[in-house]
Amino acid sequence: MATIILRAVKGKIEADIKGEIIAFKSGGAESPTGHWPTEYIVASLGSCLAGTAFEYARTKKFSLEKVTARIGWETASSPARIRHISMTVTLEGKLTQEEKERILIASERACLVMNTLRSGVEEIETTLS
């Protein structure tokens, strides 16, 4: 199981991901710097989709040179969650429209983050130490 260490001390929230420290904002912890956790969720989705697109294009020998994803989201409050995500993807390179469509379909099917968000996490276990 992969592990990330997160520390929240008097308004400063940081995650240690393989030695890199990432700052998060939180209204509850009055954290003034970093990004909101929801921004990381949607950025992870776009990153996963883009990486998967490059992987698929490489295996099919498609000339994919650049992926741009414009991602928007809406939240809901009961329960607190991301309610809707919309993503517009631009694939650039010497690609036919059919190749672009194949890349996008394969990327959506194989993207770990997209599959997790669409299906939900089967179990989240929280314990006190």
Protein backbone atom coordinates (compact mmCIF):
# COMPACT_ATOMS: atom_id res chain seq x y z
CA MET A 1 0.00 0.00 0.00
CA ALA A 2 1.31 3.45 -0.94
CA THR A 3 1.66 5.96 1.90
CA ILE A 4 1.69 9.74 2.13
CA ILE A 5 2.42 11.54 5.40
CA LEU A 6 0.22 14.58 6.04
CA ARG A 7 0.87 17.03 8.87
CA ALA A 8 -1.46 19.83 9.94
CA VAL A 9 -0.03 22.19 12.58
CA LYS A 10 -1.89 25.37 13.54
CA GLY A 11 -3.06 26.37 10.08
CA LYS A 12 -0.22 24.90 8.07
CA ILE A 13 -1.12 21.71 6.19
CA GLU A 14 1.58 19.83 4.30
CA ALA A 15 1.74 16.46 2.60
CA ASP A 16 5.06 14.66 2.24
CA ILE A 17 4.93 12.77 -1.06
CA LYS A 18 8.19 10.86 -1.57
CA GLY A 19 10.16 13.67 0.08
CA GLU A 20 8.46 16.51 -1.76
CA ILE A 21 6.43 18.79 0.51
CA ILE A 22 3.10 19.96 -0.93
CA ALA A 23 1.14 22.75 0.82
CA PHE A 24 -2.65 22.59 1.12
CA LYS A 25 -5.23 25.25 1.99
CA SER A 26 -8.05 24.62 4.39
CA GLY A 27 -10.67 26.97 5.71
CA GLY A 28 -10.89 24.97 8.93
CA ALA A 29 -7.16 25.20 9.61
CA GLU A 30 -6.94 28.79 8.34
CA SER A 31 -4.17 27.76 5.99
CA PRO A 32 -3.17 30.79 3.89
CA THR A 33 -0.91 29.09 1.32
CA GLY A 34 -1.09 26.13 -1.01
CA HIS A 35 -4.01 24.76 -2.98
CA TRP A 36 -7.42 23.47 -2.03
CA PRO A 37 -7.64 19.65 -1.87
CA THR A 38 -10.31 19.68 -4.61
CA GLU A 39 -7.81 21.37 -6.94
CA TYR A 40 -5.48 18.42 -6.44
CA ILE A 41 -8.26 15.94 -7.17
CA VAL A 42 -9.13 17.51 -10.52
CA ALA A 43 -5.45 18.10 -11.38
CA SER A 44 -4.80 14.43 -10.63
CA LEU A 45 -7.63 13.48 -12.96
CA GLY A 46 -6.19 15.56 -15.81
CA SER A 47 -2.67 14.34 -15.15
CA CYS A 48 -3.74 10.71 -15.12
CA LEU A 49 -5.74 11.10 -18.33
CA ALA A 50 -2.85 12.88 -20.10
CA GLY A 51 -0.28 10.31 -19.04
CA THR A 52 -2.56 7.48 -20.09
CA ALA A 53 -3.12 9.18 -23.46
CA PHE A 54 0.64 9.34 -24.08
CA GLU A 55 1.05 5.71 -23.05
CA TYR A 56 -1.71 4.53 -25.38
CA ALA A 57 -0.48 6.70 -28.28
CA ARG A 58 3.03 5.28 -27.87
CA THR A 59 1.80 1.67 -28.00
CA LYS A 60 -0.23 2.43 -31.16
CA LYS A 61 2.59 4.51 -32.68
CA PHE A 62 0.32 7.58 -32.92
CA SER A 63 2.10 10.93 -33.15
CA LEU A 64 0.71 12.56 -29.99
CA GLU A 65 2.78 15.61 -29.04
CA LYS A 66 0.68 17.55 -26.53
CA VAL A 67 -2.36 17.07 -24.29
CA THR A 68 -4.23 20.01 -22.81
CA ALA A 69 -7.10 19.47 -20.40
CA ARG A 70 -9.36 22.30 -19.25
CA ILE A 71 -11.14 21.06 -16.14
CA GLY A 72 -13.99 22.65 -14.26
CA TRP A 73 -15.92 21.40 -11.25
CA GLU A 74 -18.88 22.16 -9.05
CA THR A 75 -19.29 21.24 -5.43
CA ALA A 76 -22.30 20.17 -3.39
CA SER A 77 -22.76 20.53 0.32
CA SER A 78 -24.81 17.62 1.60
CA PRO A 79 -22.68 15.61 1.88
CA ALA A 80 -19.70 17.83 1.04
CA ARG A 81 -18.26 16.57 -2.24
CA ILE A 82 -17.39 17.36 -5.84
CA ARG A 83 -20.72 17.03 -7.62
CA HIS A 84 -19.75 17.55 -11.25
CA ILE A 85 -16.51 17.58 -13.24
CA SER A 86 -16.30 18.74 -16.86
CA MET A 87 -13.15 18.29 -18.90
CA THR A 88 -12.33 19.51 -22.40
CA VAL A 89 -9.33 17.69 -23.83
CA THR A 90 -7.21 18.87 -26.76
CA LEU A 91 -4.86 16.34 -28.37
CA GLU A 92 -2.16 17.77 -30.62
CA GLY A 93 0.15 16.07 -33.06
CA LYS A 94 -0.05 14.51 -36.51
CA LEU A 95 -3.28 12.73 -35.65
CA THR A 96 -6.46 11.97 -37.53
CA GLN A 97 -9.80 12.65 -35.87
CA GLU A 98 -10.28 8.88 -35.52
CA GLU A 99 -6.90 8.52 -33.77
CA LYS A 100 -7.80 11.36 -31.37
CA GLU A 101 -11.10 9.68 -30.54
CA ARG A 102 -9.40 6.31 -29.99
CA ILE A 103 -6.81 7.91 -27.71
CA LEU A 104 -9.50 9.65 -25.64
CA ILE A 105 -11.70 6.54 -25.31
CA ALA A 106 -8.74 4.35 -24.33
CA SER A 107 -7.47 6.98 -21.88
CA GLU A 108 -10.84 7.30 -20.17
CA ARG A 109 -11.09 3.51 -19.91
CA ALA A 110 -7.59 3.03 -18.43
CA CYS A 111 -7.19 6.14 -16.24
CA LEU A 112 -6.92 5.00 -12.61
CA VAL A 113 -8.11 8.33 -11.20
CA MET A 114 -11.11 8.55 -13.54
CA ASN A 115 -12.12 4.98 -12.75
CA THR A 116 -11.83 5.72 -9.02
CA LEU A 117 -13.90 8.90 -9.23
CA ARG A 118 -16.58 7.25 -11.38
CA SER A 119 -16.86 4.11 -9.25
CA GLY A 120 -15.98 5.45 -5.83
CA VAL A 121 -13.56 3.96 -3.36
CA GLU A 122 -14.80 0.63 -2.04
CA GLU A 123 -13.53 1.22 1.45
CA ILE A 124 -11.96 4.08 3.40
CA GLU A 125 -10.67 2.99 6.77
CA THR A 126 -9.85 5.61 9.40
CA THR A 127 -8.21 4.70 12.71
CA LEU A 128 -6.65 6.61 15.60
CA SER A 129 -3.07 5.85 16.57
